[in-house]
Amino acid sequence: MKNVLKAWLRKNQLTIDPTEYNTQVVVKGNLGLTDIVDELIKEGIEMDRDTMLDIITRFNRKSADLALSGYNVNNGLVNMRSSIKGPLFGGKWNPNVNWVDVNLTQGKELYDAVAATTVEILGERDEMIESYNLSNQTSEFNGRFHTKVRQAELSEPQLKTAGEPACGIAFRTWLCKA
């Protein structure tokens, strides 16, 4: 299957060059594991849906367990390597400033798929920002963060600075005392 990414052009607001643009990929929606399994079933895979979900869930769990046990895991699609983030003051772990992270790089299958992907530019998009979806990438997002968020995704990739300084989105870092 040949992959085609559709994208809009957005003027780069951070440069004085009027010919410089960024791209905004058209997001078709969000898919999860069950959606992917359903797509495989539509393609004609001859396996029970529940069995497939069980196998993939176990594979994902085992991959995570191995990566978080110190192994570099290559599952073909991605390479996973764990790391520890934040300064260890006095050589001691502090959960308020330290955390475990997993670094992902593309594996051969993803590399080959990227190489075969083409881009279709749809034209220039106006500067109107239509909507934003903020999703917590580490757990289910219910509109409130009850735990530390290490990775979040803002679905509109290009932000425009405009209006009063008190308007818009502010990103702040704070430390909570345990």
N, C-alpha and C. Protein backbone atom coordinates (compact mmCIF):
# COMPACT_ATOMS: atom_id res chain seq x y z
N MET A 1 0.84 -1.18 0.00
CA MET A 1 0.00 0.00 0.00
C MET A 1 0.89 1.25 0.00
N LYS A 2 0.62 2.14 -0.91
CA LYS A 2 1.38 3.38 -0.98
C LYS A 2 0.74 4.40 -0.04
N ASN A 3 1.56 5.01 0.78
CA ASN A 3 1.06 6.00 1.73
C ASN A 3 1.18 7.40 1.15
N VAL A 4 0.14 8.20 1.35
CA VAL A 4 0.14 9.60 0.92
C VAL A 4 -0.27 10.46 2.10
N LEU A 5 0.59 11.38 2.47
CA LEU A 5 0.28 12.36 3.50
C LEU A 5 -0.20 13.63 2.83
N LYS A 6 -1.36 14.12 3.25
CA LYS A 6 -1.85 15.39 2.73
C LYS A 6 -1.50 16.47 3.75
N ALA A 7 -1.10 17.63 3.24
CA ALA A 7 -0.65 18.69 4.14
C ALA A 7 -1.03 20.06 3.58
N TRP A 8 -1.26 20.97 4.50
CA TRP A 8 -1.50 22.37 4.17
C TRP A 8 -0.21 23.15 4.37
N LEU A 9 -0.03 24.21 3.59
CA LEU A 9 1.07 25.14 3.81
C LEU A 9 0.62 26.20 4.80
N ARG A 10 1.52 26.55 5.74
CA ARG A 10 1.27 27.62 6.70
C ARG A 10 2.47 28.55 6.66
N LYS A 11 2.22 29.85 6.53
CA LYS A 11 3.34 30.80 6.53
C LYS A 11 4.09 30.67 7.85
N ASN A 12 5.42 30.68 7.76
CA ASN A 12 6.24 30.61 8.96
C ASN A 12 6.26 32.00 9.59
N GLN A 13 5.64 32.14 10.74
CA GLN A 13 5.54 33.43 11.43
C GLN A 13 6.82 33.80 12.17
N LEU A 14 7.78 32.88 12.21
CA LEU A 14 9.00 33.13 12.98
C LEU A 14 10.17 33.55 12.10
N THR A 15 9.89 33.91 10.86
CA THR A 15 10.96 34.34 9.96
C THR A 15 10.50 35.57 9.19
N ILE A 16 11.45 36.33 8.67
CA ILE A 16 11.09 37.50 7.87
C ILE A 16 10.96 37.15 6.39
N ASP A 17 11.36 35.92 6.03
CA ASP A 17 11.30 35.49 4.64
C ASP A 17 9.84 35.15 4.28
N PRO A 18 9.20 35.93 3.40
CA PRO A 18 7.80 35.69 3.07
C PRO A 18 7.55 34.43 2.24
N THR A 19 8.63 33.80 1.77
CA THR A 19 8.46 32.58 0.98
C THR A 19 8.63 31.31 1.81
N GLU A 20 8.88 31.47 3.11
CA GLU A 20 9.11 30.29 3.96
C GLU A 20 7.79 29.80 4.56
N TYR A 21 7.54 28.52 4.38
CA TYR A 21 6.32 27.90 4.87
C TYR A 21 6.66 26.70 5.75
N ASN A 22 5.75 26.35 6.62
CA ASN A 22 5.75 25.08 7.33
C ASN A 22 4.58 24.28 6.78
N THR A 23 4.54 23.02 7.11
CA THR A 23 3.42 22.20 6.68
C THR A 23 2.60 21.76 7.88
N GLN A 24 1.33 21.56 7.63
CA GLN A 24 0.43 21.04 8.65
C GLN A 24 -0.23 19.80 8.06
N VAL A 25 0.15 18.64 8.58
CA VAL A 25 -0.40 17.38 8.07
C VAL A 25 -1.88 17.30 8.42
N VAL A 26 -2.68 16.87 7.46
CA VAL A 26 -4.10 16.69 7.69
C VAL A 26 -4.27 15.40 8.49
N VAL A 27 -4.78 15.53 9.71
CA VAL A 27 -4.99 14.39 10.58
C VAL A 27 -6.38 13.83 10.31
N LYS A 28 -6.44 12.56 9.95
CA LYS A 28 -7.71 11.94 9.61
C LYS A 28 -8.46 11.45 10.83
N GLY A 29 -7.80 11.33 11.96
CA GLY A 29 -8.44 10.85 13.18
C GLY A 29 -7.43 10.13 14.05
N ASN A 30 -7.90 9.56 15.12
CA ASN A 30 -7.06 8.82 16.05
C ASN A 30 -7.48 7.35 16.04
N LEU A 31 -6.52 6.45 15.96
CA LEU A 31 -6.80 5.03 15.96
C LEU A 31 -6.07 4.35 17.10
N GLY A 32 -6.72 3.38 17.69
CA GLY A 32 -6.12 2.59 18.76
C GLY A 32 -5.92 1.15 18.31
N LEU A 33 -5.52 0.31 19.24
CA LEU A 33 -5.22 -1.08 18.96
C LEU A 33 -6.41 -1.81 18.35
N THR A 34 -7.59 -1.64 18.92
CA THR A 34 -8.76 -2.35 18.38
C THR A 34 -9.08 -1.89 16.96
N ASP A 35 -8.87 -0.61 16.69
CA ASP A 35 -9.10 -0.10 15.33
C ASP A 35 -8.14 -0.73 14.33
N ILE A 36 -6.89 -0.88 14.73
CA ILE A 36 -5.88 -1.48 13.85
C ILE A 36 -6.22 -2.95 13.59
N VAL A 37 -6.62 -3.66 14.64
CA VAL A 37 -7.02 -5.07 14.48
C VAL A 37 -8.22 -5.16 13.54
N ASP A 38 -9.19 -4.27 13.69
CA ASP A 38 -10.35 -4.26 12.79
C ASP A 38 -9.92 -4.03 11.34
N GLU A 39 -8.92 -3.16 11.12
CA GLU A 39 -8.40 -2.93 9.77
C GLU A 39 -7.75 -4.19 9.22
N LEU A 40 -7.01 -4.91 10.07
CA LEU A 40 -6.39 -6.17 9.63
C LEU A 40 -7.45 -7.20 9.26
N ILE A 41 -8.54 -7.25 10.00
CA ILE A 41 -9.63 -8.17 9.70
C ILE A 41 -10.26 -7.80 8.36
N LYS A 42 -10.43 -6.49 8.11
CA LYS A 42 -10.97 -6.05 6.82
C LYS A 42 -10.06 -6.47 5.67
N GLU A 43 -8.74 -6.52 5.91
CA GLU A 43 -7.79 -6.94 4.89
C GLU A 43 -7.84 -8.45 4.64
N GLY A 44 -8.54 -9.18 5.52
CA GLY A 44 -8.71 -10.60 5.29
C GLY A 44 -7.88 -11.51 6.16
N ILE A 45 -7.30 -11.00 7.24
CA ILE A 45 -6.53 -11.89 8.12
C ILE A 45 -7.47 -12.92 8.72
N GLU A 46 -7.02 -14.15 8.77
CA GLU A 46 -7.87 -15.24 9.22
C GLU A 46 -7.50 -15.62 10.65
N MET A 47 -7.87 -14.74 11.57
CA MET A 47 -7.62 -14.99 12.98
C MET A 47 -8.73 -14.32 13.77
N ASP A 48 -9.08 -14.91 14.87
CA ASP A 48 -10.12 -14.37 15.74
C ASP A 48 -9.67 -13.02 16.31
N ARG A 49 -10.60 -12.06 16.34
CA ARG A 49 -10.30 -10.70 16.81
C ARG A 49 -9.75 -10.71 18.24
N ASP A 50 -10.40 -11.45 19.13
CA ASP A 50 -9.96 -11.48 20.53
C ASP A 50 -8.57 -12.11 20.67
N THR A 51 -8.29 -13.12 19.87
CA THR A 51 -6.97 -13.76 19.89
C THR A 51 -5.91 -12.76 19.42
N MET A 52 -6.22 -12.05 18.34
CA MET A 52 -5.27 -11.05 17.84
C MET A 52 -4.99 -9.98 18.89
N LEU A 53 -6.06 -9.46 19.51
CA LEU A 53 -5.89 -8.43 20.54
C LEU A 53 -5.05 -8.95 21.69
N ASP A 54 -5.28 -10.21 22.09
CA ASP A 54 -4.52 -10.80 23.18
C ASP A 54 -3.05 -10.92 22.83
N ILE A 55 -2.75 -11.40 21.63
CA ILE A 55 -1.36 -11.57 21.20
C ILE A 55 -0.65 -10.22 21.13
N ILE A 56 -1.29 -9.24 20.51
CA ILE A 56 -0.65 -7.93 20.37
C ILE A 56 -0.47 -7.26 21.72
N THR A 57 -1.47 -7.36 22.59
CA THR A 57 -1.36 -6.78 23.93
C THR A 57 -0.22 -7.41 24.71
N ARG A 58 -0.10 -8.73 24.62
CA ARG A 58 1.01 -9.43 25.30
C ARG A 58 2.36 -9.02 24.71
N PHE A 59 2.42 -8.91 23.37
CA PHE A 59 3.64 -8.49 22.69
C PHE A 59 4.05 -7.09 23.16
N ASN A 60 3.09 -6.17 23.20
CA ASN A 60 3.39 -4.80 23.63
C ASN A 60 3.87 -4.78 25.08
N ARG A 61 3.17 -5.54 25.95
CA ARG A 61 3.55 -5.57 27.37
C ARG A 61 4.95 -6.15 27.54
N LYS A 62 5.25 -7.25 26.83
CA LYS A 62 6.57 -7.87 26.94
C LYS A 62 7.66 -6.94 26.39
N SER A 63 7.38 -6.25 25.29
CA SER A 63 8.35 -5.29 24.74
C SER A 63 8.65 -4.20 25.75
N ALA A 64 7.61 -3.67 26.39
CA ALA A 64 7.79 -2.63 27.41
C ALA A 64 8.58 -3.17 28.60
N ASP A 65 8.21 -4.36 29.07
CA ASP A 65 8.92 -4.97 30.21
C ASP A 65 10.41 -5.13 29.91
N LEU A 66 10.72 -5.62 28.71
CA LEU A 66 12.13 -5.83 28.35
C LEU A 66 12.87 -4.50 28.21
N ALA A 67 12.24 -3.51 27.57
CA ALA A 67 12.88 -2.20 27.43
C ALA A 67 13.13 -1.56 28.78
N LEU A 68 12.19 -1.75 29.71
CA LEU A 68 12.34 -1.14 31.04
C LEU A 68 13.14 -2.01 32.00
N SER A 69 13.67 -3.13 31.48
CA SER A 69 14.59 -3.97 32.25
C SER A 69 16.03 -3.77 31.78
N GLY A 70 16.23 -2.84 30.85
CA GLY A 70 17.58 -2.52 30.40
C GLY A 70 17.95 -3.05 29.03
N TYR A 71 17.03 -3.75 28.37
CA TYR A 71 17.31 -4.23 27.02
C TYR A 71 17.02 -3.16 25.98
N ASN A 72 17.80 -3.13 24.91
CA ASN A 72 17.45 -2.36 23.72
C ASN A 72 16.56 -3.27 22.89
N VAL A 73 15.33 -2.87 22.67
CA VAL A 73 14.34 -3.72 22.01
C VAL A 73 14.08 -3.20 20.60
N ASN A 74 14.24 -4.07 19.61
CA ASN A 74 13.95 -3.75 18.21
C ASN A 74 12.83 -4.67 17.76
N ASN A 75 11.62 -4.10 17.59
CA ASN A 75 10.51 -4.94 17.15
C ASN A 75 10.24 -4.81 15.65
N GLY A 76 11.18 -4.24 14.92
CA GLY A 76 11.04 -4.07 13.47
C GLY A 76 10.47 -2.71 13.12
N LEU A 77 9.44 -2.31 13.84
CA LEU A 77 8.82 -1.01 13.58
C LEU A 77 9.57 0.11 14.30
N VAL A 78 9.88 -0.11 15.58
CA VAL A 78 10.63 0.88 16.35
C VAL A 78 11.70 0.19 17.18
N ASN A 79 12.72 0.97 17.53
CA ASN A 79 13.75 0.56 18.47
C ASN A 79 13.48 1.31 19.77
N MET A 80 13.49 0.59 20.89
CA MET A 80 13.22 1.19 22.20
C MET A 80 14.45 1.06 23.09
N ARG A 81 14.77 2.15 23.77
CA ARG A 81 15.89 2.16 24.71
C ARG A 81 15.49 3.01 25.89
N SER A 82 15.60 2.46 27.09
CA SER A 82 15.21 3.22 28.28
C SER A 82 16.32 4.17 28.71
N SER A 83 15.91 5.23 29.39
CA SER A 83 16.87 6.20 29.93
C SER A 83 16.28 6.81 31.19
N ILE A 84 17.13 7.42 31.96
CA ILE A 84 16.71 8.10 33.19
C ILE A 84 16.93 9.58 32.98
N LYS A 85 15.91 10.36 33.28
CA LYS A 85 15.94 11.81 33.04
C LYS A 85 15.99 12.58 34.35
N GLY A 86 16.51 13.78 34.26
CA GLY A 86 16.58 14.68 35.40
C GLY A 86 17.87 14.52 36.19
N PRO A 87 18.30 15.60 36.83
CA PRO A 87 19.55 15.55 37.61
C PRO A 87 19.36 14.80 38.93
N LEU A 88 20.32 13.98 39.28
CA LEU A 88 20.28 13.26 40.55
C LEU A 88 21.15 14.02 41.56
N PHE A 89 20.53 14.93 42.28
CA PHE A 89 21.25 15.76 43.24
C PHE A 89 21.75 14.88 44.38
N GLY A 90 23.04 14.97 44.66
CA GLY A 90 23.65 14.15 45.69
C GLY A 90 23.68 12.68 45.31
N GLY A 91 23.47 12.39 44.03
CA GLY A 91 23.48 11.01 43.57
C GLY A 91 22.25 10.23 43.99
N LYS A 92 21.16 10.95 44.37
CA LYS A 92 19.96 10.27 44.85
C LYS A 92 18.78 10.51 43.93
N TRP A 93 17.99 9.45 43.75
CA TRP A 93 16.76 9.49 42.96
C TRP A 93 15.72 10.32 43.70
N ASN A 94 15.10 11.25 42.99
CA ASN A 94 14.02 12.06 43.56
C ASN A 94 12.86 12.02 42.56
N PRO A 95 11.74 11.37 42.90
CA PRO A 95 10.64 11.24 41.95
C PRO A 95 10.00 12.57 41.55
N ASN A 96 10.33 13.64 42.25
CA ASN A 96 9.82 14.96 41.88
C ASN A 96 10.60 15.59 40.73
N VAL A 97 11.85 15.14 40.52
CA VAL A 97 12.66 15.71 39.43
C VAL A 97 13.24 14.65 38.49
N ASN A 98 13.14 13.37 38.86
CA ASN A 98 13.68 12.29 38.04
C ASN A 98 12.55 11.41 37.53
N TRP A 99 12.76 10.85 36.33
CA TRP A 99 11.78 9.92 35.78
C TRP A 99 12.45 9.00 34.78
N VAL A 100 11.80 7.89 34.53
CA VAL A 100 12.25 6.94 33.53
C VAL A 100 11.55 7.29 32.22
N ASP A 101 12.30 7.23 31.13
CA ASP A 101 11.75 7.54 29.83
C ASP A 101 12.18 6.42 28.87
N VAL A 102 11.48 6.30 27.77
CA VAL A 102 11.86 5.35 26.73
C VAL A 102 12.07 6.13 25.44
N ASN A 103 13.26 6.01 24.88
CA ASN A 103 13.59 6.67 23.62
C ASN A 103 13.20 5.75 22.47
N LEU A 104 12.50 6.30 21.50
CA LEU A 104 12.07 5.53 20.33
C LEU A 104 12.72 6.08 19.07
N THR A 105 13.22 5.17 18.26
CA THR A 105 13.70 5.54 16.93
C THR A 105 13.05 4.58 15.94
N GLN A 106 12.94 5.02 14.71
CA GLN A 106 12.28 4.16 13.73
C GLN A 106 13.12 2.95 13.39
N GLY A 107 12.44 1.82 13.27
CA GLY A 107 13.08 0.59 12.85
C GLY A 107 13.03 0.48 11.33
N LYS A 108 13.53 -0.64 10.80
CA LYS A 108 13.62 -0.81 9.35
C LYS A 108 12.26 -0.76 8.67
N GLU A 109 11.24 -1.40 9.23
CA GLU A 109 9.92 -1.40 8.61
C GLU A 109 9.36 0.02 8.49
N LEU A 110 9.50 0.79 9.55
CA LEU A 110 9.00 2.17 9.52
C LEU A 110 9.86 3.03 8.60
N TYR A 111 11.17 2.81 8.62
CA TYR A 111 12.08 3.53 7.73
C TYR A 111 11.70 3.30 6.27
N ASP A 112 11.44 2.03 5.92
CA ASP A 112 11.06 1.70 4.54
C ASP A 112 9.70 2.31 4.18
N ALA A 113 8.76 2.31 5.13
CA ALA A 113 7.44 2.90 4.88
C ALA A 113 7.55 4.41 4.68
N VAL A 114 8.39 5.05 5.47
CA VAL A 114 8.60 6.50 5.32
C VAL A 114 9.19 6.79 3.95
N ALA A 115 10.15 6.00 3.52
CA ALA A 115 10.80 6.22 2.23
C ALA A 115 9.81 6.08 1.07
N ALA A 116 8.76 5.26 1.26
CA ALA A 116 7.78 5.04 0.21
C ALA A 116 6.58 5.99 0.29
N THR A 117 6.60 6.91 1.24
CA THR A 117 5.48 7.82 1.44
C THR A 117 5.66 9.07 0.59
N THR A 118 4.58 9.52 -0.04
CA THR A 118 4.60 10.75 -0.80
C THR A 118 3.78 11.81 -0.07
N VAL A 119 4.04 13.06 -0.39
CA VAL A 119 3.34 14.18 0.24
C VAL A 119 2.55 14.92 -0.83
N GLU A 120 1.30 15.21 -0.53
CA GLU A 120 0.44 15.99 -1.42
C GLU A 120 0.13 17.31 -0.72
N ILE A 121 0.62 18.42 -1.29
CA ILE A 121 0.37 19.74 -0.73
C ILE A 121 -0.99 20.22 -1.23
N LEU A 122 -1.86 20.57 -0.30
CA LEU A 122 -3.23 20.97 -0.64
C LEU A 122 -3.36 22.46 -0.95
N GLY A 123 -2.34 23.23 -0.62
CA GLY A 123 -2.40 24.67 -0.84
C GLY A 123 -2.10 25.40 0.46
N GLU A 124 -2.26 26.72 0.42
CA GLU A 124 -1.96 27.53 1.60
C GLU A 124 -3.20 27.61 2.48
N ARG A 125 -2.98 27.43 3.75
CA ARG A 125 -4.06 27.49 4.74
C ARG A 125 -4.04 28.85 5.39
N ASP A 126 -5.21 29.38 5.67
CA ASP A 126 -5.27 30.69 6.32
C ASP A 126 -4.73 30.58 7.74
N GLU A 127 -4.57 31.70 8.39
CA GLU A 127 -3.97 31.73 9.72
C GLU A 127 -4.96 31.45 10.84
N MET A 128 -6.22 31.21 10.51
CA MET A 128 -7.22 30.93 11.52
C MET A 128 -6.93 29.57 12.16
N ILE A 129 -6.84 29.56 13.46
CA ILE A 129 -6.66 28.31 14.18
C ILE A 129 -8.05 27.81 14.54
N GLU A 130 -8.39 26.61 14.08
CA GLU A 130 -9.75 26.12 14.23
C GLU A 130 -10.00 25.40 15.54
N SER A 131 -9.13 24.47 15.91
CA SER A 131 -9.36 23.72 17.14
C SER A 131 -8.07 23.07 17.60
N TYR A 132 -8.05 22.73 18.85
CA TYR A 132 -6.90 22.06 19.44
C TYR A 132 -7.38 20.86 20.23
N ASN A 133 -6.63 19.80 20.19
CA ASN A 133 -6.86 18.65 21.04
C ASN A 133 -5.59 18.43 21.84
N LEU A 134 -5.70 18.50 23.15
CA LEU A 134 -4.57 18.21 24.01
C LEU A 134 -4.81 16.82 24.58
N SER A 135 -3.91 15.90 24.30
CA SER A 135 -4.07 14.55 24.82
C SER A 135 -2.84 14.15 25.59
N ASN A 136 -3.07 13.56 26.74
CA ASN A 136 -2.01 13.03 27.56
C ASN A 136 -1.51 11.77 26.89
N GLN A 137 -0.25 11.71 26.52
CA GLN A 137 0.29 10.57 25.79
C GLN A 137 0.73 9.44 26.71
N THR A 138 0.60 9.61 28.04
CA THR A 138 1.05 8.57 28.95
C THR A 138 -0.10 7.86 29.64
N SER A 139 -1.32 8.37 29.57
CA SER A 139 -2.47 7.71 30.17
C SER A 139 -3.74 8.25 29.54
N GLU A 140 -4.88 7.71 29.93
CA GLU A 140 -6.14 8.21 29.40
C GLU A 140 -6.32 9.67 29.82
N PHE A 141 -6.77 10.48 28.91
CA PHE A 141 -6.99 11.90 29.19
C PHE A 141 -8.47 12.14 29.42
N ASN A 142 -8.82 12.66 30.57
CA ASN A 142 -10.22 12.92 30.86
C ASN A 142 -10.50 14.40 31.08
N GLY A 143 -9.61 15.24 30.62
CA GLY A 143 -9.81 16.67 30.77
C GLY A 143 -9.05 17.26 31.94
N ARG A 144 -8.61 16.43 32.85
CA ARG A 144 -7.83 16.89 34.00
C ARG A 144 -6.63 15.97 34.17
N PHE A 145 -5.51 16.54 34.48
CA PHE A 145 -4.33 15.73 34.74
C PHE A 145 -4.25 15.50 36.25
N HIS A 146 -4.32 14.24 36.65
CA HIS A 146 -4.21 13.91 38.06
C HIS A 146 -2.81 13.40 38.41
N THR A 147 -2.03 13.08 37.40
CA THR A 147 -0.69 12.57 37.62
C THR A 147 0.28 13.42 36.81
N LYS A 148 1.57 13.19 37.04
CA LYS A 148 2.58 13.89 36.25
C LYS A 148 2.41 13.55 34.79
N VAL A 149 2.54 14.52 33.93
CA VAL A 149 2.48 14.29 32.49
C VAL A 149 3.87 14.54 31.94
N ARG A 150 4.46 13.51 31.37
CA ARG A 150 5.79 13.65 30.80
C ARG A 150 5.72 13.90 29.30
N GLN A 151 4.65 13.43 28.66
CA GLN A 151 4.51 13.62 27.22
C GLN A 151 3.07 14.00 26.93
N ALA A 152 2.89 15.10 26.23
CA ALA A 152 1.57 15.52 25.81
C ALA A 152 1.66 15.90 24.34
N GLU A 153 0.53 15.87 23.67
CA GLU A 153 0.52 16.20 22.25
C GLU A 153 -0.54 17.26 22.00
N LEU A 154 -0.14 18.32 21.34
CA LEU A 154 -1.07 19.36 20.90
C LEU A 154 -1.25 19.12 19.42
N SER A 155 -2.48 18.80 18.98
CA SER A 155 -2.65 18.27 17.64
C SER A 155 -2.39 19.28 16.54
N GLU A 156 -2.61 20.55 16.75
CA GLU A 156 -2.29 21.54 15.72
C GLU A 156 -0.79 21.83 15.83
N PRO A 157 0.00 21.50 14.82
CA PRO A 157 1.44 21.63 14.96
C PRO A 157 1.97 23.05 14.88
N GLN A 158 1.21 23.96 14.33
CA GLN A 158 1.71 25.31 14.18
C GLN A 158 0.89 26.26 15.04
N LEU A 159 1.54 26.97 15.93
CA LEU A 159 0.87 27.95 16.77
C LEU A 159 1.26 29.33 16.29
N LYS A 160 0.32 30.22 16.31
CA LYS A 160 0.61 31.60 15.93
C LYS A 160 0.51 32.47 17.17
N THR A 161 1.52 33.29 17.41
CA THR A 161 1.49 34.21 18.52
C THR A 161 0.72 35.45 18.08
N ALA A 162 -0.33 35.76 18.81
CA ALA A 162 -1.16 36.91 18.44
C ALA A 162 -1.92 37.38 19.68
N GLY A 163 -2.39 38.62 19.63
CA GLY A 163 -3.22 39.13 20.71
C GLY A 163 -2.41 39.63 21.89
N GLU A 164 -3.12 39.89 22.96
CA GLU A 164 -2.51 40.38 24.19
C GLU A 164 -1.63 39.30 24.81
N PRO A 165 -0.60 39.68 25.56
CA PRO A 165 0.25 38.68 26.18
C PRO A 165 -0.51 37.75 27.13
N ALA A 166 -1.62 38.19 27.70
CA ALA A 166 -2.37 37.36 28.63
C ALA A 166 -3.27 36.36 27.90
N CYS A 167 -3.34 36.44 26.57
CA CYS A 167 -4.19 35.53 25.81
C CYS A 167 -3.38 34.34 25.32
N GLY A 168 -4.04 33.22 25.14
CA GLY A 168 -3.39 32.08 24.51
C GLY A 168 -3.09 30.96 25.47
N ILE A 169 -2.09 30.18 25.12
CA ILE A 169 -1.71 29.00 25.87
C ILE A 169 -0.36 29.27 26.52
N ALA A 170 -0.24 28.95 27.78
CA ALA A 170 1.03 29.12 28.49
C ALA A 170 1.49 27.76 28.99
N PHE A 171 2.75 27.45 28.79
CA PHE A 171 3.34 26.22 29.30
C PHE A 171 4.21 26.60 30.49
N ARG A 172 3.96 25.98 31.60
CA ARG A 172 4.71 26.28 32.81
C ARG A 172 5.24 25.01 33.43
N THR A 173 6.37 25.10 34.09
CA THR A 173 6.95 23.97 34.81
C THR A 173 6.93 24.30 36.29
N TRP A 174 6.51 23.35 37.07
CA TRP A 174 6.50 23.56 38.51
C TRP A 174 6.88 22.25 39.19
N LEU A 175 7.42 22.37 40.37
CA LEU A 175 7.78 21.20 41.17
C LEU A 175 6.82 21.09 42.34
N CYS A 176 6.30 19.91 42.55
CA CYS A 176 5.40 19.65 43.68
C CYS A 176 6.20 19.06 44.81
N LYS A 177 5.97 19.54 46.01
CA LYS A 177 6.65 18.97 47.17
C LYS A 177 5.93 17.71 47.60
N ALA A 178 6.70 16.68 47.86
CA ALA A 178 6.10 15.38 48.24
C ALA A 178 5.65 15.40 49.70
